[in-house]
Amino acid sequence: MPDILFVCTANQFRSPIAAAYFTRKLRETGCAEGFSVSSAGTWTPEGLPAHQRAIEAGAKFNLDLKLHRTREVNADILNKANLIIVMQQGHREALEAEFPETQGKVHLLGELAQITEIEINDPAAENFRNAEETTRIICLCIDRCFQDIVRKVSEATSH
């Protein structure tokens, strides 16, 4: 089963939004049964809920994050994933440095979507003033590269 992992820092905003939206796109295209989609954080305690602003912003895009709980990346989660999609270059660098086996599996969402500003910044850095805009950008990116992600992960599982 193809396994896609979305990663951000705290696993309370960007990666849960991305995982929820990608899962919805899979359902809309009738592919959800064949995929595993999850999220994790590079630096987070286990079991925290999504940030309240993520829940609110997600709701405006018909995404329900109320049951989300944070997970910190670890070797098991990363080894299980066929494709790891991160929000910032620092996430890729950290994962590839600490877990060298992830090299070649880690991609920036903004790069996959071919947007000008390839990093999707953490809205927490600006006191969540851009929470809704960040959510919109994540959804736009996934809309733009959805088929490419499905193709990449399908190719990764066929090898």
C-alpha atoms as a PDB file:
ATOM      1  CA  MET A   1       0.000   0.000   0.000  1.00  0.00           C
ATOM      2  CA  PRO A   2       1.480   3.391  -0.958  1.00  0.00           C
ATOM      3  CA  ASP A   3       2.311   5.414   2.151  1.00  0.00           C
ATOM      4  CA  ILE A   4       2.566   9.223   2.047  1.00  0.00           C
ATOM      5  CA  LEU A   5       3.838  11.168   5.042  1.00  0.00           C
ATOM      6  CA  PHE A   6       3.446  14.943   5.374  1.00  0.00           C
ATOM      7  CA  VAL A   7       5.928  16.574   7.765  1.00  0.00           C
ATOM      8  CA  CYS A   8       6.213  20.012   9.378  1.00  0.00           C
ATOM      9  CA  THR A   9       7.757  21.145  12.655  1.00  0.00           C
ATOM     10  CA  ALA A  10       5.106  20.778  15.371  1.00  0.00           C
ATOM     11  CA  ASN A  11       2.594  18.613  13.466  1.00  0.00           C
ATOM     12  CA  GLN A  12      -0.150  20.938  14.668  1.00  0.00           C
ATOM     13  CA  PHE A  13      -0.927  22.977  11.556  1.00  0.00           C
ATOM     14  CA  ARG A  14       0.687  22.512   8.145  1.00  0.00           C
ATOM     15  CA  SER A  15       1.203  18.751   7.940  1.00  0.00           C
ATOM     16  CA  PRO A  16      -2.216  17.799   9.395  1.00  0.00           C
ATOM     17  CA  ILE A  17      -3.902  20.247   6.983  1.00  0.00           C
ATOM     18  CA  ALA A  18      -1.942  18.739   4.072  1.00  0.00           C
ATOM     19  CA  ALA A  19      -2.720  15.150   5.098  1.00  0.00           C
ATOM     20  CA  ALA A  20      -6.424  15.893   5.563  1.00  0.00           C
ATOM     21  CA  TYR A  21      -6.712  17.711   2.233  1.00  0.00           C
ATOM     22  CA  PHE A  22      -4.733  15.060   0.337  1.00  0.00           C
ATOM     23  CA  THR A  23      -6.921  12.331   1.847  1.00  0.00           C
ATOM     24  CA  ARG A  24     -10.020  14.232   0.724  1.00  0.00           C
ATOM     25  CA  LYS A  25      -8.612  14.486  -2.829  1.00  0.00           C
ATOM     26  CA  LEU A  26      -7.982  10.730  -2.811  1.00  0.00           C
ATOM     27  CA  ARG A  27     -11.591  10.107  -1.733  1.00  0.00           C
ATOM     28  CA  GLU A  28     -12.892  12.455  -4.439  1.00  0.00           C
ATOM     29  CA  THR A  29     -10.956  10.536  -7.095  1.00  0.00           C
ATOM     30  CA  GLY A  30     -11.932   7.114  -5.729  1.00  0.00           C
ATOM     31  CA  CYS A  31      -8.357   6.187  -4.751  1.00  0.00           C
ATOM     32  CA  ALA A  32      -8.501   6.450  -0.952  1.00  0.00           C
ATOM     33  CA  GLU A  33      -8.675   2.690  -0.312  1.00  0.00           C
ATOM     34  CA  GLY A  34      -5.245   2.058  -1.802  1.00  0.00           C
ATOM     35  CA  PHE A  35      -3.302   4.707   0.133  1.00  0.00           C
ATOM     36  CA  SER A  36      -2.071   5.448   3.624  1.00  0.00           C
ATOM     37  CA  VAL A  37      -1.727   9.185   4.352  1.00  0.00           C
ATOM     38  CA  SER A  38      -0.436  10.552   7.642  1.00  0.00           C
ATOM     39  CA  SER A  39       1.518  13.399   9.186  1.00  0.00           C
ATOM     40  CA  ALA A  40       4.265  13.932  11.751  1.00  0.00           C
ATOM     41  CA  GLY A  41       6.502  16.660  13.131  1.00  0.00           C
ATOM     42  CA  THR A  42      10.252  17.063  13.300  1.00  0.00           C
ATOM     43  CA  TRP A  43      10.033  18.544  16.781  1.00  0.00           C
ATOM     44  CA  THR A  44       6.882  17.898  18.768  1.00  0.00           C
ATOM     45  CA  PRO A  45       5.646  16.043  21.821  1.00  0.00           C
ATOM     46  CA  GLU A  46       3.338  13.116  21.125  1.00  0.00           C
ATOM     47  CA  GLY A  47      -0.424  13.376  21.436  1.00  0.00           C
ATOM     48  CA  LEU A  48      -1.172  17.106  21.258  1.00  0.00           C
ATOM     49  CA  PRO A  49      -4.248  18.234  19.334  1.00  0.00           C
ATOM     50  CA  ALA A  50      -4.072  20.347  16.191  1.00  0.00           C
ATOM     51  CA  HIS A  51      -3.674  24.033  16.988  1.00  0.00           C
ATOM     52  CA  GLN A  52      -7.028  25.753  17.446  1.00  0.00           C
ATOM     53  CA  ARG A  53      -6.236  28.097  14.534  1.00  0.00           C
ATOM     54  CA  ALA A  54      -5.566  25.056  12.308  1.00  0.00           C
ATOM     55  CA  ILE A  55      -8.920  23.585  13.317  1.00  0.00           C
ATOM     56  CA  GLU A  56     -10.633  26.896  12.490  1.00  0.00           C
ATOM     57  CA  ALA A  57      -8.783  27.464   9.208  1.00  0.00           C
ATOM     58  CA  GLY A  58      -9.256  23.847   8.175  1.00  0.00           C
ATOM     59  CA  ALA A  59     -12.994  24.064   8.841  1.00  0.00           C
ATOM     60  CA  LYS A  60     -13.239  26.887   6.285  1.00  0.00           C
ATOM     61  CA  PHE A  61     -11.925  24.374   3.722  1.00  0.00           C
ATOM     62  CA  ASN A  62     -14.218  21.589   4.995  1.00  0.00           C
ATOM     63  CA  LEU A  63     -11.358  19.795   6.769  1.00  0.00           C
ATOM     64  CA  ASP A  64     -11.972  18.306  10.200  1.00  0.00           C
ATOM     65  CA  LEU A  65      -8.835  18.266  12.364  1.00  0.00           C
ATOM     66  CA  LYS A  66     -10.560  17.776  15.718  1.00  0.00           C
ATOM     67  CA  LEU A  67      -9.322  14.200  16.165  1.00  0.00           C
ATOM     68  CA  HIS A  68      -5.736  14.888  15.044  1.00  0.00           C
ATOM     69  CA  ARG A  69      -2.953  14.137  17.535  1.00  0.00           C
ATOM     70  CA  THR A  70       0.704  14.995  17.027  1.00  0.00           C
ATOM     71  CA  ARG A  71       3.420  12.441  16.298  1.00  0.00           C
ATOM     72  CA  GLU A  72       7.148  12.998  16.227  1.00  0.00           C
ATOM     73  CA  VAL A  73       9.000  11.535  13.265  1.00  0.00           C
ATOM     74  CA  ASN A  74      11.033   8.445  14.005  1.00  0.00           C
ATOM     75  CA  ALA A  75      12.793   5.767  11.987  1.00  0.00           C
ATOM     76  CA  ASP A  76       9.736   3.479  11.917  1.00  0.00           C
ATOM     77  CA  ILE A  77       7.390   6.153  10.561  1.00  0.00           C
ATOM     78  CA  LEU A  78       9.944   7.326   7.999  1.00  0.00           C
ATOM     79  CA  ASN A  79      10.902   3.821   6.833  1.00  0.00           C
ATOM     80  CA  LYS A  80       7.249   2.928   6.308  1.00  0.00           C
ATOM     81  CA  ALA A  81       6.677   5.992   4.109  1.00  0.00           C
ATOM     82  CA  ASN A  82       7.246   5.681   0.381  1.00  0.00           C
ATOM     83  CA  LEU A  83       7.087   9.457  -0.074  1.00  0.00           C
ATOM     84  CA  ILE A  84       7.776  12.157   2.520  1.00  0.00           C
ATOM     85  CA  ILE A  85       6.501  15.663   1.775  1.00  0.00           C
ATOM     86  CA  VAL A  86       7.831  18.554   3.857  1.00  0.00           C
ATOM     87  CA  MET A  87       6.979  22.236   4.104  1.00  0.00           C
ATOM     88  CA  GLN A  88      10.437  23.809   4.375  1.00  0.00           C
ATOM     89  CA  GLN A  89      13.967  23.051   3.216  1.00  0.00           C
ATOM     90  CA  GLY A  90      15.054  22.801   6.860  1.00  0.00           C
ATOM     91  CA  HIS A  91      12.698  19.857   7.338  1.00  0.00           C
ATOM     92  CA  ARG A  92      14.293  18.000   4.434  1.00  0.00           C
ATOM     93  CA  GLU A  93      17.806  18.777   5.688  1.00  0.00           C
ATOM     94  CA  ALA A  94      16.976  17.653   9.227  1.00  0.00           C
ATOM     95  CA  LEU A  95      15.366  14.403   8.103  1.00  0.00           C
ATOM     96  CA  GLU A  96      18.127  13.509   5.649  1.00  0.00           C
ATOM     97  CA  ALA A  97      20.837  14.326   8.218  1.00  0.00           C
ATOM     98  CA  GLU A  98      19.298  12.357  11.081  1.00  0.00           C
ATOM     99  CA  PHE A  99      17.785   9.597   8.932  1.00  0.00           C
ATOM    100  CA  PRO A 100      20.049   9.132   5.867  1.00  0.00           C
ATOM    101  CA  GLU A 101      17.789   6.361   4.558  1.00  0.00           C
ATOM    102  CA  THR A 102      15.198   9.050   3.704  1.00  0.00           C
ATOM    103  CA  GLN A 103      17.389  10.584   0.980  1.00  0.00           C
ATOM    104  CA  GLY A 104      15.513  10.552  -2.299  1.00  0.00           C
ATOM    105  CA  LYS A 105      12.128  10.136  -0.544  1.00  0.00           C
ATOM    106  CA  VAL A 106      11.841  13.689   0.833  1.00  0.00           C
ATOM    107  CA  HIS A 107      10.263  16.438  -1.304  1.00  0.00           C
ATOM    108  CA  LEU A 108       9.146  20.002  -0.631  1.00  0.00           C
ATOM    109  CA  LEU A 109       5.434  20.484  -1.264  1.00  0.00           C
ATOM    110  CA  GLY A 110       6.113  23.869  -2.875  1.00  0.00           C
ATOM    111  CA  GLU A 111       8.660  22.337  -5.251  1.00  0.00           C
ATOM    112  CA  LEU A 112       6.278  19.571  -6.275  1.00  0.00           C
ATOM    113  CA  ALA A 113       3.600  22.202  -6.940  1.00  0.00           C
ATOM    114  CA  GLN A 114       6.114  24.407  -8.787  1.00  0.00           C
ATOM    115  CA  ILE A 115       5.148  27.543  -6.912  1.00  0.00           C
ATOM    116  CA  THR A 116       7.454  30.556  -6.775  1.00  0.00           C
ATOM    117  CA  GLU A 117       7.954  30.601  -2.996  1.00  0.00           C
ATOM    118  CA  ILE A 118       8.706  26.924  -2.417  1.00  0.00           C
ATOM    119  CA  GLU A 119       8.745  27.087   1.379  1.00  0.00           C
ATOM    120  CA  ILE A 120       5.438  27.077   3.225  1.00  0.00           C
ATOM    121  CA  ASN A 121       6.221  29.005   6.381  1.00  0.00           C
ATOM    122  CA  ASP A 122       4.863  28.142   9.796  1.00  0.00           C
ATOM    123  CA  PRO A 123       1.928  30.449  10.625  1.00  0.00           C
ATOM    124  CA  ALA A 124       2.916  30.201  14.309  1.00  0.00           C
ATOM    125  CA  ALA A 125       5.916  32.412  13.504  1.00  0.00           C
ATOM    126  CA  GLU A 126       3.499  35.268  12.800  1.00  0.00           C
ATOM    127  CA  ASN A 127       1.085  34.554  15.636  1.00  0.00           C
ATOM    128  CA  PHE A 128      -1.225  32.777  13.161  1.00  0.00           C
ATOM    129  CA  ARG A 129      -2.196  36.003  11.361  1.00  0.00           C
ATOM    130  CA  ASN A 130      -1.821  34.100   8.062  1.00  0.00           C
ATOM    131  CA  ALA A 131      -3.486  30.872   9.179  1.00  0.00           C
ATOM    132  CA  GLU A 132      -6.195  30.896   6.528  1.00  0.00           C
ATOM    133  CA  GLU A 133      -3.763  31.981   3.798  1.00  0.00           C
ATOM    134  CA  THR A 134      -1.340  29.187   4.750  1.00  0.00           C
ATOM    135  CA  THR A 135      -4.199  26.695   4.554  1.00  0.00           C
ATOM    136  CA  ARG A 136      -5.188  28.045   1.129  1.00  0.00           C
ATOM    137  CA  ILE A 137      -1.586  27.732  -0.121  1.00  0.00           C
ATOM    138  CA  ILE A 138      -1.302  24.134   1.107  1.00  0.00           C
ATOM    139  CA  CYS A 139      -4.569  23.193  -0.618  1.00  0.00           C
ATOM    140  CA  LEU A 140      -3.539  25.001  -3.813  1.00  0.00           C
ATOM    141  CA  CYS A 141      -0.193  23.188  -3.827  1.00  0.00           C
ATOM    142  CA  ILE A 142      -1.875  19.824  -3.418  1.00  0.00           C
ATOM    143  CA  ASP A 143      -4.357  20.662  -6.174  1.00  0.00           C
ATOM    144  CA  ARG A 144      -1.449  21.511  -8.474  1.00  0.00           C
ATOM    145  CA  CYS A 145       0.660  18.418  -7.793  1.00  0.00           C
ATOM    146  CA  PHE A 146      -1.887  15.790  -6.715  1.00  0.00           C
ATOM    147  CA  GLN A 147      -1.462  13.605  -9.801  1.00  0.00           C
ATOM    148  CA  ASP A 148       2.327  13.941  -9.614  1.00  0.00           C
ATOM    149  CA  ILE A 149       2.330  12.808  -5.967  1.00  0.00           C
ATOM    150  CA  VAL A 150       0.092   9.825  -6.795  1.00  0.00           C
ATOM    151  CA  ARG A 151       2.412   8.898  -9.678  1.00  0.00           C
ATOM    152  CA  LYS A 152       5.595   9.300  -7.562  1.00  0.00           C
ATOM    153  CA  VAL A 153       4.301   7.190  -4.693  1.00  0.00           C
ATOM    154  CA  SER A 154       2.923   4.547  -7.056  1.00  0.00           C
ATOM    155  CA  GLU A 155       6.326   4.313  -8.775  1.00  0.00           C
ATOM    156  CA  ALA A 156       8.077   4.099  -5.389  1.00  0.00           C
ATOM    157  CA  THR A 157       5.903   1.160  -4.310  1.00  0.00           C
ATOM    158  CA  SER A 158       6.329  -0.725  -7.576  1.00  0.00           C
ATOM    159  CA  HIS A 159      10.130  -1.014  -7.156  1.00  0.00           C
END
